[in-house]
Every structure is written in structure tokens, then in C-alpha cells.
Amino acid sequence: MTSQALEASDKLKRESEEQAIKQSLVARHANDSIITSDTYGRISWVNEAFSKITGYTRS
């Protein structure tokens, strides 16, 4: 690969990581309940609002 291609690839990776961090912060601090699940429908993560609204804990 050329140095320009490597630089572009690194930039895209950084931007993707920054976007993931922003989305994580939004999900954690949202006032609405947010749930993530796997392809089988098993809950893998809930935010604090989910726990407050439903009374269920993360464990």
C-alpha cells in the first residue's frame, strides 16, 4: 500500500472509533431505555434508563 492509502485507512479507523465512542456516550446517558441484543434475542446490554423505567437491573 502507498503511504496515502495507509493514511486514509488510519483516518477512517480513527473516525470510526470516535463515532463509536460518541454513540456509546449517548446510549449510556439517554433518558430513554436502550437495549442491545444478539441475533438470538438475548439481551447483552441495557442503559441506566432501562433499569430505572423497568426496575430490572443489568445483571
PDB file of N, CA and C in Angstrom:
ATOM      1  N   MET A   1       0.839  -1.191   0.000  1.00  0.00           N
ATOM      2  CA  MET A   1       0.000   0.000   0.000  1.00  0.00           C
ATOM      3  C   MET A   1       0.876   1.244   0.000  1.00  0.00           C
ATOM      4  N   THR A   2       0.356   2.269  -0.578  1.00  0.00           N
ATOM      5  CA  THR A   2       1.075   3.538  -0.559  1.00  0.00           C
ATOM      6  C   THR A   2       0.849   4.230   0.776  1.00  0.00           C
ATOM      7  N   SER A   3       1.689   5.195   1.039  1.00  0.00           N
ATOM      8  CA  SER A   3       1.535   5.915   2.314  1.00  0.00           C
ATOM      9  C   SER A   3       0.211   6.678   2.356  1.00  0.00           C
ATOM     10  N   GLN A   4      -0.260   7.161   1.201  1.00  0.00           N
ATOM     11  CA  GLN A   4      -1.542   7.867   1.170  1.00  0.00           C
ATOM     12  C   GLN A   4      -2.691   6.930   1.508  1.00  0.00           C
ATOM     13  N   ALA A   5      -2.632   5.714   0.998  1.00  0.00           N
ATOM     14  CA  ALA A   5      -3.686   4.741   1.293  1.00  0.00           C
ATOM     15  C   ALA A   5      -3.666   4.374   2.770  1.00  0.00           C
ATOM     16  N   LEU A   6      -2.479   4.216   3.335  1.00  0.00           N
ATOM     17  CA  LEU A   6      -2.370   3.903   4.762  1.00  0.00           C
ATOM     18  C   LEU A   6      -2.895   5.049   5.614  1.00  0.00           C
ATOM     19  N   GLU A   7      -2.568   6.278   5.228  1.00  0.00           N
ATOM     20  CA  GLU A   7      -3.062   7.444   5.967  1.00  0.00           C
ATOM     21  C   GLU A   7      -4.582   7.521   5.906  1.00  0.00           C
ATOM     22  N   ALA A   8      -5.149   7.274   4.739  1.00  0.00           N
ATOM     23  CA  ALA A   8      -6.604   7.303   4.584  1.00  0.00           C
ATOM     24  C   ALA A   8      -7.254   6.210   5.415  1.00  0.00           C
ATOM     25  N   SER A   9      -6.632   5.034   5.418  1.00  0.00           N
ATOM     26  CA  SER A   9      -7.159   3.919   6.206  1.00  0.00           C
ATOM     27  C   SER A   9      -7.111   4.234   7.698  1.00  0.00           C
ATOM     28  N   ASP A  10      -6.003   4.805   8.143  1.00  0.00           N
ATOM     29  CA  ASP A  10      -5.869   5.185   9.554  1.00  0.00           C
ATOM     30  C   ASP A  10      -6.891   6.248   9.938  1.00  0.00           C
ATOM     31  N   LYS A  11      -7.121   7.207   9.037  1.00  0.00           N
ATOM     32  CA  LYS A  11      -8.089   8.268   9.311  1.00  0.00           C
ATOM     33  C   LYS A  11      -9.493   7.688   9.444  1.00  0.00           C
ATOM     34  N   LEU A  12      -9.864   6.784   8.545  1.00  0.00           N
ATOM     35  CA  LEU A  12     -11.181   6.152   8.620  1.00  0.00           C
ATOM     36  C   LEU A  12     -11.342   5.354   9.910  1.00  0.00           C
ATOM     37  N   LYS A  13     -10.279   4.666  10.307  1.00  0.00           N
ATOM     38  CA  LYS A  13     -10.329   3.885  11.548  1.00  0.00           C
ATOM     39  C   LYS A  13     -10.526   4.803  12.751  1.00  0.00           C
ATOM     40  N   ARG A  14      -9.787   5.900  12.802  1.00  0.00           N
ATOM     41  CA  ARG A  14      -9.929   6.865  13.910  1.00  0.00           C
ATOM     42  C   ARG A  14     -11.331   7.447  13.954  1.00  0.00           C
ATOM     43  N   GLU A  15     -11.849   7.830  12.789  1.00  0.00           N
ATOM     44  CA  GLU A  15     -13.193   8.404  12.736  1.00  0.00           C
ATOM     45  C   GLU A  15     -14.244   7.396  13.183  1.00  0.00           C
ATOM     46  N   SER A  16     -14.060   6.149  12.796  1.00  0.00           N
ATOM     47  CA  SER A  16     -14.992   5.096  13.202  1.00  0.00           C
ATOM     48  C   SER A  16     -14.951   4.886  14.714  1.00  0.00           C
ATOM     49  N   GLU A  17     -13.748   4.888  15.279  1.00  0.00           N
ATOM     50  CA  GLU A  17     -13.607   4.728  16.728  1.00  0.00           C
ATOM     51  C   GLU A  17     -14.225   5.907  17.475  1.00  0.00           C
ATOM     52  N   GLU A  18     -14.019   7.118  16.958  1.00  0.00           N
ATOM     53  CA  GLU A  18     -14.606   8.305  17.589  1.00  0.00           C
ATOM     54  C   GLU A  18     -16.130   8.249  17.542  1.00  0.00           C
ATOM     55  N   GLN A  19     -16.680   7.809  16.423  1.00  0.00           N
ATOM     56  CA  GLN A  19     -18.133   7.691  16.286  1.00  0.00           C
ATOM     57  C   GLN A  19     -18.681   6.663  17.272  1.00  0.00           C
ATOM     58  N   ALA A  20     -17.978   5.549  17.436  1.00  0.00           N
ATOM     59  CA  ALA A  20     -18.419   4.512  18.372  1.00  0.00           C
ATOM     60  C   ALA A  20     -18.426   5.042  19.804  1.00  0.00           C
ATOM     61  N   ILE A  21     -17.428   5.833  20.156  1.00  0.00           N
ATOM     62  CA  ILE A  21     -17.366   6.421  21.496  1.00  0.00           C
ATOM     63  C   ILE A  21     -18.540   7.373  21.714  1.00  0.00           C
ATOM     64  N   LYS A  22     -18.827   8.208  20.720  1.00  0.00           N
ATOM     65  CA  LYS A  22     -19.948   9.146  20.830  1.00  0.00           C
ATOM     66  C   LYS A  22     -21.271   8.402  20.991  1.00  0.00           C
ATOM     67  N   GLN A  23     -21.468   7.368  20.188  1.00  0.00           N
ATOM     68  CA  GLN A  23     -22.710   6.602  20.270  1.00  0.00           C
ATOM     69  C   GLN A  23     -22.843   5.915  21.623  1.00  0.00           C
ATOM     70  N   SER A  24     -21.741   5.422  22.146  1.00  0.00           N
ATOM     71  CA  SER A  24     -21.760   4.784  23.458  1.00  0.00           C
ATOM     72  C   SER A  24     -22.162   5.779  24.547  1.00  0.00           C
ATOM     73  N   LEU A  25     -21.617   6.979  24.483  1.00  0.00           N
ATOM     74  CA  LEU A  25     -21.962   8.005  25.472  1.00  0.00           C
ATOM     75  C   LEU A  25     -23.434   8.383  25.390  1.00  0.00           C
ATOM     76  N   VAL A  26     -23.943   8.530  24.180  1.00  0.00           N
ATOM     77  CA  VAL A  26     -25.358   8.867  24.000  1.00  0.00           C
ATOM     78  C   VAL A  26     -26.230   7.763  24.581  1.00  0.00           C
ATOM     79  N   ALA A  27     -25.908   6.522  24.276  1.00  0.00           N
ATOM     80  CA  ALA A  27     -26.711   5.392  24.761  1.00  0.00           C
ATOM     81  C   ALA A  27     -26.684   5.305  26.281  1.00  0.00           C
ATOM     82  N   ARG A  28     -25.513   5.503  26.873  1.00  0.00           N
ATOM     83  CA  ARG A  28     -25.400   5.395  28.329  1.00  0.00           C
ATOM     84  C   ARG A  28     -26.173   6.483  29.055  1.00  0.00           C
ATOM     85  N   HIS A  29     -26.212   7.677  28.490  1.00  0.00           N
ATOM     86  CA  HIS A  29     -26.797   8.814  29.194  1.00  0.00           C
ATOM     87  C   HIS A  29     -28.179   9.220  28.689  1.00  0.00           C
ATOM     88  N   ALA A  30     -28.745   8.448  27.796  1.00  0.00           N
ATOM     89  CA  ALA A  30     -30.074   8.764  27.259  1.00  0.00           C
ATOM     90  C   ALA A  30     -31.136   8.611  28.340  1.00  0.00           C
ATOM     91  N   ASN A  31     -32.185   9.405  28.248  1.00  0.00           N
ATOM     92  CA  ASN A  31     -33.308   9.291  29.176  1.00  0.00           C
ATOM     93  C   ASN A  31     -34.271   8.183  28.774  1.00  0.00           C
ATOM     94  N   ASP A  32     -34.171   7.729  27.538  1.00  0.00           N
ATOM     95  CA  ASP A  32     -34.993   6.617  27.055  1.00  0.00           C
ATOM     96  C   ASP A  32     -34.251   5.307  27.294  1.00  0.00           C
ATOM     97  N   SER A  33     -35.007   4.239  27.465  1.00  0.00           N
ATOM     98  CA  SER A  33     -34.350   2.952  27.666  1.00  0.00           C
ATOM     99  C   SER A  33     -33.779   2.460  26.342  1.00  0.00           C
ATOM    100  N   ILE A  34     -32.572   1.932  26.409  1.00  0.00           N
ATOM    101  CA  ILE A  34     -31.895   1.390  25.235  1.00  0.00           C
ATOM    102  C   ILE A  34     -31.393   0.002  25.592  1.00  0.00           C
ATOM    103  N   ILE A  35     -31.678  -0.934  24.706  1.00  0.00           N
ATOM    104  CA  ILE A  35     -31.306  -2.331  24.917  1.00  0.00           C
ATOM    105  C   ILE A  35     -30.567  -2.811  23.676  1.00  0.00           C
ATOM    106  N   THR A  36     -29.497  -3.575  23.867  1.00  0.00           N
ATOM    107  CA  THR A  36     -28.869  -4.257  22.736  1.00  0.00           C
ATOM    108  C   THR A  36     -29.012  -5.751  22.969  1.00  0.00           C
ATOM    109  N   SER A  37     -29.157  -6.472  21.871  1.00  0.00           N
ATOM    110  CA  SER A  37     -29.298  -7.927  21.976  1.00  0.00           C
ATOM    111  C   SER A  37     -28.526  -8.598  20.854  1.00  0.00           C
ATOM    112  N   ASP A  38     -28.271  -9.889  21.026  1.00  0.00           N
ATOM    113  CA  ASP A  38     -27.587 -10.635  19.981  1.00  0.00           C
ATOM    114  C   ASP A  38     -28.598 -11.125  18.948  1.00  0.00           C
ATOM    115  N   THR A  39     -28.140 -11.879  17.985  1.00  0.00           N
ATOM    116  CA  THR A  39     -29.022 -12.337  16.905  1.00  0.00           C
ATOM    117  C   THR A  39     -30.068 -13.333  17.383  1.00  0.00           C
ATOM    118  N   TYR A  40     -29.903 -13.863  18.591  1.00  0.00           N
ATOM    119  CA  TYR A  40     -30.882 -14.793  19.162  1.00  0.00           C
ATOM    120  C   TYR A  40     -31.880 -14.087  20.074  1.00  0.00           C
ATOM    121  N   GLY A  41     -31.754 -12.769  20.185  1.00  0.00           N
ATOM    122  CA  GLY A  41     -32.671 -12.009  21.021  1.00  0.00           C
ATOM    123  C   GLY A  41     -32.279 -11.950  22.484  1.00  0.00           C
ATOM    124  N   ARG A  42     -31.095 -12.456  22.817  1.00  0.00           N
ATOM    125  CA  ARG A  42     -30.623 -12.393  24.205  1.00  0.00           C
ATOM    126  C   ARG A  42     -30.083 -10.996  24.480  1.00  0.00           C
ATOM    127  N   ILE A  43     -30.567 -10.403  25.554  1.00  0.00           N
ATOM    128  CA  ILE A  43     -30.142  -9.047  25.903  1.00  0.00           C
ATOM    129  C   ILE A  43     -28.682  -9.077  26.326  1.00  0.00           C
ATOM    130  N   SER A  44     -27.892  -8.204  25.708  1.00  0.00           N
ATOM    131  CA  SER A  44     -26.470  -8.148  26.038  1.00  0.00           C
ATOM    132  C   SER A  44     -26.100  -6.889  26.817  1.00  0.00           C
ATOM    133  N   TRP A  45     -26.951  -5.853  26.718  1.00  0.00           N
ATOM    134  CA  TRP A  45     -26.649  -4.611  27.422  1.00  0.00           C
ATOM    135  C   TRP A  45     -27.913  -3.777  27.534  1.00  0.00           C
ATOM    136  N   VAL A  46     -28.052  -3.077  28.651  1.00  0.00           N
ATOM    137  CA  VAL A  46     -29.126  -2.097  28.836  1.00  0.00           C
ATOM    138  C   VAL A  46     -28.519  -0.849  29.466  1.00  0.00           C
ATOM    139  N   ASN A  47     -29.128   0.287  29.194  1.00  0.00           N
ATOM    140  CA  ASN A  47     -28.627   1.505  29.824  1.00  0.00           C
ATOM    141  C   ASN A  47     -29.324   1.730  31.168  1.00  0.00           C
ATOM    142  N   GLU A  48     -28.867   2.733  31.870  1.00  0.00           N
ATOM    143  CA  GLU A  48     -29.395   3.036  33.205  1.00  0.00           C
ATOM    144  C   GLU A  48     -30.879   3.385  33.153  1.00  0.00           C
ATOM    145  N   ALA A  49     -31.294   4.090  32.105  1.00  0.00           N
ATOM    146  CA  ALA A  49     -32.711   4.461  31.982  1.00  0.00           C
ATOM    147  C   ALA A  49     -33.596   3.222  31.913  1.00  0.00           C
ATOM    148  N   PHE A  50     -33.138   2.184  31.239  1.00  0.00           N
ATOM    149  CA  PHE A  50     -33.907   0.941  31.178  1.00  0.00           C
ATOM    150  C   PHE A  50     -34.137   0.408  32.586  1.00  0.00           C
ATOM    151  N   SER A  51     -33.085   0.398  33.390  1.00  0.00           N
ATOM    152  CA  SER A  51     -33.201  -0.103  34.762  1.00  0.00           C
ATOM    153  C   SER A  51     -34.156   0.747  35.590  1.00  0.00           C
ATOM    154  N   LYS A  52     -34.084   2.059  35.435  1.00  0.00           N
ATOM    155  CA  LYS A  52     -34.973   2.946  36.189  1.00  0.00           C
ATOM    156  C   LYS A  52     -36.428   2.780  35.762  1.00  0.00           C
ATOM    157  N   ILE A  53     -36.660   2.647  34.470  1.00  0.00           N
ATOM    158  CA  ILE A  53     -38.020   2.553  33.946  1.00  0.00           C
ATOM    159  C   ILE A  53     -38.662   1.210  34.274  1.00  0.00           C
ATOM    160  N   THR A  54     -37.902   0.131  34.118  1.00  0.00           N
ATOM    161  CA  THR A  54     -38.478  -1.209  34.268  1.00  0.00           C
ATOM    162  C   THR A  54     -38.289  -1.808  35.652  1.00  0.00           C
ATOM    163  N   GLY A  55     -37.292  -1.321  36.383  1.00  0.00           N
ATOM    164  CA  GLY A  55     -36.988  -1.913  37.677  1.00  0.00           C
ATOM    165  C   GLY A  55     -36.037  -3.098  37.579  1.00  0.00           C
ATOM    166  N   TYR A  56     -35.748  -3.551  36.356  1.00  0.00           N
ATOM    167  CA  TYR A  56     -34.795  -4.646  36.170  1.00  0.00           C
ATOM    168  C   TYR A  56     -33.378  -4.102  36.226  1.00  0.00           C
ATOM    169  N   THR A  57     -32.472  -4.877  36.802  1.00  0.00           N
ATOM    170  CA  THR A  57     -31.077  -4.458  36.868  1.00  0.00           C
ATOM    171  C   THR A  57     -30.309  -5.035  35.688  1.00  0.00           C
ATOM    172  N   ARG A  58     -29.104  -4.569  35.534  1.00  0.00           N
ATOM    173  CA  ARG A  58     -28.260  -5.048  34.428  1.00  0.00           C
ATOM    174  C   ARG A  58     -27.855  -6.502  34.593  1.00  0.00           C
ATOM    175  N   SER A  59     -27.856  -7.011  35.783  1.00  0.00           N
ATOM    176  CA  SER A  59     -27.452  -8.410  35.991  1.00  0.00           C
ATOM    177  C   SER A  59     -28.610  -9.311  35.838  1.00  0.00           C
TER     178      SER A  59
END
